[in-house]
C-alpha atoms as a PDB file:
ATOM      1  CA  MET A   1       4.057  27.669  -7.091  1.00  0.00           C
ATOM      2  CA  LYS A   2       1.498  30.406  -7.595  1.00  0.00           C
ATOM      3  CA  ARG A   3       1.736  29.237 -11.636  1.00  0.00           C
ATOM      4  CA  LEU A   4       0.703  25.932 -10.520  1.00  0.00           C
ATOM      5  CA  LEU A   5      -1.958  26.735  -8.170  1.00  0.00           C
ATOM      6  CA  LEU A   6      -3.247  28.877 -10.999  1.00  0.00           C
ATOM      7  CA  LEU A   7      -3.062  26.070 -13.671  1.00  0.00           C
ATOM      8  CA  LEU A   8      -4.643  23.667 -11.307  1.00  0.00           C
ATOM      9  CA  ALA A   9      -7.739  26.380 -10.557  1.00  0.00           C
ATOM     10  CA  LEU A  10      -8.350  27.175 -14.203  1.00  0.00           C
ATOM     11  CA  PRO A  11     -10.542  24.131 -15.134  1.00  0.00           C
ATOM     12  CA  LEU A  12     -12.405  24.617 -11.987  1.00  0.00           C
ATOM     13  CA  LEU A  13     -12.848  28.390 -12.732  1.00  0.00           C
ATOM     14  CA  SER A  14     -14.123  27.697 -16.147  1.00  0.00           C
ATOM     15  CA  ALA A  15     -16.520  24.910 -14.725  1.00  0.00           C
ATOM     16  CA  CYS A  16     -17.887  27.252 -12.308  1.00  0.00           C
ATOM     17  CA  SER A  17     -18.255  30.153 -14.593  1.00  0.00           C
ATOM     18  CA  SER A  18     -20.296  28.329 -17.472  1.00  0.00           C
ATOM     19  CA  SER A  19     -22.809  26.724 -15.063  1.00  0.00           C
ATOM     20  CA  GLN A  20     -25.755  27.616 -13.002  1.00  0.00           C
ATOM     21  CA  PRO A  21     -25.463  27.979  -9.262  1.00  0.00           C
ATOM     22  CA  LEU A  22     -26.080  24.587  -7.704  1.00  0.00           C
ATOM     23  CA  SER A  23     -29.422  23.907  -5.947  1.00  0.00           C
ATOM     24  CA  ALA A  24     -29.512  22.493  -2.599  1.00  0.00           C
ATOM     25  CA  ALA A  25     -30.466  19.065  -3.570  1.00  0.00           C
ATOM     26  CA  ALA A  26     -27.692  18.858  -6.373  1.00  0.00           C
ATOM     27  CA  SER A  27     -25.153  20.339  -3.821  1.00  0.00           C
ATOM     28  CA  ALA A  28     -26.365  17.686  -1.171  1.00  0.00           C
ATOM     29  CA  GLU A  29     -26.325  14.938  -4.082  1.00  0.00           C
ATOM     30  CA  ALA A  30     -22.505  15.709  -4.617  1.00  0.00           C
ATOM     31  CA  ARG A  31     -21.440  15.903  -1.303  1.00  0.00           C
ATOM     32  CA  ARG A  32     -23.219  12.402  -0.597  1.00  0.00           C
ATOM     33  CA  ASP A  33     -21.574  10.939  -4.097  1.00  0.00           C
ATOM     34  CA  ILE A  34     -17.959  12.495  -2.942  1.00  0.00           C
ATOM     35  CA  ALA A  35     -18.214  11.208   0.360  1.00  0.00           C
ATOM     36  CA  GLN A  36     -19.003   7.451  -0.925  1.00  0.00           C
ATOM     37  CA  LEU A  37     -16.140   7.901  -3.285  1.00  0.00           C
ATOM     38  CA  LEU A  38     -13.751   8.538  -0.371  1.00  0.00           C
ATOM     39  CA  GLN A  39     -15.508   5.814   1.808  1.00  0.00           C
ATOM     40  CA  THR A  40     -14.933   3.396  -1.220  1.00  0.00           C
ATOM     41  CA  GLN A  41     -11.270   4.642  -1.548  1.00  0.00           C
ATOM     42  CA  THR A  42     -10.623   4.036   2.029  1.00  0.00           C
ATOM     43  CA  ALA A  43     -12.136   0.601   2.117  1.00  0.00           C
ATOM     44  CA  ALA A  44      -9.889  -0.545  -0.795  1.00  0.00           C
ATOM     45  CA  TRP A  45      -6.519   1.083   1.247  1.00  0.00           C
ATOM     46  CA  ASN A  46      -7.853  -0.761   4.147  1.00  0.00           C
ATOM     47  CA  ARG A  47      -8.221  -4.394   2.485  1.00  0.00           C
ATOM     48  CA  GLY A  48      -4.566  -3.578   0.941  1.00  0.00           C
ATOM     49  CA  ASP A  49      -5.890  -2.963  -2.445  1.00  0.00           C
ATOM     50  CA  ILE A  50      -3.888  -0.112  -4.034  1.00  0.00           C
ATOM     51  CA  ALA A  51      -5.330  -0.610  -7.458  1.00  0.00           C
ATOM     52  CA  GLY A  52      -9.054  -0.227  -6.138  1.00  0.00           C
ATOM     53  CA  PHE A  53      -7.904   2.789  -4.020  1.00  0.00           C
ATOM     54  CA  MET A  54      -6.871   4.063  -7.380  1.00  0.00           C
ATOM     55  CA  GLN A  55     -10.084   3.901  -9.133  1.00  0.00           C
ATOM     56  CA  GLY A  56     -11.524   6.893  -7.437  1.00  0.00           C
ATOM     57  CA  TYR A  57      -8.618   8.879  -9.236  1.00  0.00           C
ATOM     58  CA  TRP A  58      -8.964  10.284 -12.890  1.00  0.00           C
ATOM     59  CA  GLN A  59      -7.474   7.512 -15.197  1.00  0.00           C
ATOM     60  CA  ASN A  60      -5.664   9.986 -17.196  1.00  0.00           C
ATOM     61  CA  ASP A  61      -2.315  11.273 -17.938  1.00  0.00           C
ATOM     62  CA  SER A  62      -3.479  14.903 -16.836  1.00  0.00           C
ATOM     63  CA  LEU A  63      -4.410  13.671 -13.156  1.00  0.00           C
ATOM     64  CA  VAL A  64      -1.804  15.528 -10.907  1.00  0.00           C
ATOM     65  CA  PHE A  65      -0.444  14.267  -7.428  1.00  0.00           C
ATOM     66  CA  ILE A  66       1.388  16.778  -5.386  1.00  0.00           C
ATOM     67  CA  GLY A  67       2.883  15.260  -2.201  1.00  0.00           C
ATOM     68  CA  LYS A  68       6.330  15.434  -0.519  1.00  0.00           C
ATOM     69  CA  SER A  69       8.487  14.039  -3.389  1.00  0.00           C
ATOM     70  CA  GLY A  70       6.750  16.839  -5.674  1.00  0.00           C
ATOM     71  CA  LEU A  71       4.509  16.675  -8.532  1.00  0.00           C
ATOM     72  CA  THR A  72       3.423  13.480 -10.243  1.00  0.00           C
ATOM     73  CA  TYR A  73       1.435  13.708 -13.621  1.00  0.00           C
ATOM     74  CA  GLY A  74      -0.663  10.683 -14.479  1.00  0.00           C
ATOM     75  CA  TRP A  75      -2.639   7.912 -13.363  1.00  0.00           C
ATOM     76  CA  GLN A  76      -0.261   5.210 -13.751  1.00  0.00           C
ATOM     77  CA  PRO A  77       2.773   6.964 -12.283  1.00  0.00           C
ATOM     78  CA  THR A  78       0.555   7.780  -9.326  1.00  0.00           C
ATOM     79  CA  LEU A  79       0.058   4.122  -9.016  1.00  0.00           C
ATOM     80  CA  THR A  80       3.486   3.258  -9.257  1.00  0.00           C
ATOM     81  CA  ASN A  81       4.572   5.717  -6.569  1.00  0.00           C
ATOM     82  CA  TYR A  82       1.857   4.517  -3.996  1.00  0.00           C
ATOM     83  CA  GLN A  83       2.706   0.741  -4.904  1.00  0.00           C
ATOM     84  CA  ARG A  84       6.693   1.769  -4.151  1.00  0.00           C
ATOM     85  CA  SER A  85       5.861   3.457  -1.216  1.00  0.00           C
ATOM     86  CA  TYR A  86       3.302   1.027   0.212  1.00  0.00           C
ATOM     87  CA  PRO A  87       4.991  -2.351  -0.844  1.00  0.00           C
ATOM     88  CA  ASN A  88       2.672  -4.232   1.675  1.00  0.00           C
ATOM     89  CA  ALA A  89      -0.329  -4.214   3.963  1.00  0.00           C
ATOM     90  CA  ALA A  90       1.761  -3.340   7.167  1.00  0.00           C
ATOM     91  CA  ALA A  91       3.302  -0.517   5.244  1.00  0.00           C
ATOM     92  CA  MET A  92      -0.202   0.674   4.104  1.00  0.00           C
ATOM     93  CA  GLY A  93      -1.821   0.338   7.509  1.00  0.00           C
ATOM     94  CA  GLN A  94      -5.362   1.760   7.866  1.00  0.00           C
ATOM     95  CA  LEU A  95      -6.392   4.813   6.435  1.00  0.00           C
ATOM     96  CA  ASP A  96      -8.923   7.320   8.028  1.00  0.00           C
ATOM     97  CA  PHE A  97     -10.248  10.610   6.661  1.00  0.00           C
ATOM     98  CA  SER A  98     -11.713  13.128   9.021  1.00  0.00           C
ATOM     99  CA  ASN A  99     -12.471  16.833   8.986  1.00  0.00           C
ATOM    100  CA  LEU A 100     -13.988  16.574   5.784  1.00  0.00           C
ATOM    101  CA  ARG A 101     -15.118  19.769   3.833  1.00  0.00           C
ATOM    102  CA  ILE A 102     -16.625  18.659   0.773  1.00  0.00           C
ATOM    103  CA  GLN A 103     -17.391  22.103  -1.088  1.00  0.00           C
ATOM    104  CA  PRO A 104     -19.331  21.501  -4.618  1.00  0.00           C
ATOM    105  CA  LEU A 105     -18.250  24.217  -6.952  1.00  0.00           C
ATOM    106  CA  SER A 106     -20.837  23.470 -10.000  1.00  0.00           C
ATOM    107  CA  PRO A 107     -22.752  20.497 -10.822  1.00  0.00           C
ATOM    108  CA  ASN A 108     -19.358  18.686 -12.377  1.00  0.00           C
ATOM    109  CA  ALA A 109     -16.511  20.246 -10.146  1.00  0.00           C
ATOM    110  CA  ALA A 110     -15.911  20.298  -6.395  1.00  0.00           C
ATOM    111  CA  HIS A 111     -12.982  20.407  -3.874  1.00  0.00           C
ATOM    112  CA  VAL A 112     -12.330  18.480  -0.576  1.00  0.00           C
ATOM    113  CA  ILE A 113     -10.299  19.610   2.127  1.00  0.00           C
ATOM    114  CA  GLY A 114      -9.605  17.155   5.199  1.00  0.00           C
ATOM    115  CA  ARG A 115      -7.115  14.872   7.069  1.00  0.00           C
ATOM    116  CA  TRP A 116      -5.575  11.615   6.458  1.00  0.00           C
ATOM    117  CA  HIS A 117      -4.223   9.264   9.041  1.00  0.00           C
ATOM    118  CA  LEU A 118      -2.686   6.110   8.570  1.00  0.00           C
ATOM    119  CA  ALA A 119      -2.588   3.837  11.564  1.00  0.00           C
ATOM    120  CA  ARG A 120       0.606   1.461  11.086  1.00  0.00           C
ATOM    121  CA  PRO A 121       1.484  -0.434  14.573  1.00  0.00           C
ATOM    122  CA  THR A 122       5.045  -1.753  13.592  1.00  0.00           C
ATOM    123  CA  GLN A 123       6.114   1.273  11.277  1.00  0.00           C
ATOM    124  CA  GLY A 124       4.705   4.361  12.989  1.00  0.00           C
ATOM    125  CA  ASP A 125       1.488   6.149  12.030  1.00  0.00           C
ATOM    126  CA  LEU A 126       1.642   8.746   9.237  1.00  0.00           C
ATOM    127  CA  GLN A 127      -0.757  11.745   8.845  1.00  0.00           C
ATOM    128  CA  GLY A 128      -1.439  14.929   7.166  1.00  0.00           C
ATOM    129  CA  HIS A 129      -3.656  17.268   5.382  1.00  0.00           C
ATOM    130  CA  PHE A 130      -5.045  17.204   1.834  1.00  0.00           C
ATOM    131  CA  LEU A 131      -6.883  19.312  -1.056  1.00  0.00           C
ATOM    132  CA  LEU A 132      -8.621  17.287  -3.566  1.00  0.00           C
ATOM    133  CA  VAL A 133     -10.154  18.775  -6.535  1.00  0.00           C
ATOM    134  CA  CYS A 134     -12.931  16.681  -8.133  1.00  0.00           C
ATOM    135  CA  ARG A 135     -14.835  16.355 -11.011  1.00  0.00           C
ATOM    136  CA  ARG A 136     -17.737  14.547 -12.293  1.00  0.00           C
ATOM    137  CA  ILE A 137     -16.597  12.917 -15.626  1.00  0.00           C
ATOM    138  CA  ALA A 138     -19.013  10.742 -17.487  1.00  0.00           C
ATOM    139  CA  GLY A 139     -21.432  10.549 -14.662  1.00  0.00           C
ATOM    140  CA  LYS A 140     -18.674   9.522 -12.530  1.00  0.00           C
ATOM    141  CA  TRP A 141     -16.992  11.628  -9.392  1.00  0.00           C
ATOM    142  CA  VAL A 142     -13.149  11.058  -9.383  1.00  0.00           C
ATOM    143  CA  VAL A 143     -10.129  12.890  -8.087  1.00  0.00           C
ATOM    144  CA  VAL A 144      -8.293  15.225 -10.760  1.00  0.00           C
ATOM    145  CA  ALA A 145      -5.857  16.562  -8.507  1.00  0.00           C
ATOM    146  CA  ASP A 146      -4.261  15.638  -5.013  1.00  0.00           C
ATOM    147  CA  HIS A 147      -2.343  17.500  -2.757  1.00  0.00           C
ATOM    148  CA  SER A 148      -1.445  15.776   0.328  1.00  0.00           C
ATOM    149  CA  SER A 149       1.103  16.650   2.973  1.00  0.00           C
END
């Protein structure tokens, strides 16, 4: 586990060490942009659009998702897992993120800590916490690592 965390942290450490400190304005802009990313994902999820939700993730084989079933590498396998776990709108429920702490680390890296909740009246609610590693790639903030419990 420690080795995995170190592997996840290395890209962030290199991004942080190679950049100047963020100005207050740049930090505020990154927070706004990442909050918008999460709002866009929530809206897609709540309309039953898993593919739209996945647009917030890095479309790369190096994307990593860590959940109760273990590690998943890659955008397509992550999408496939979501589709299998949430086959219809009732299973998806309504997503809500709360207690968000968006922490920019450099102009191109940030992490987000928060709580997720799925309201599912017929199947029972689900909830947990998450840590996202976000990077700005080609001018767009995306989730490159997601550890949800």
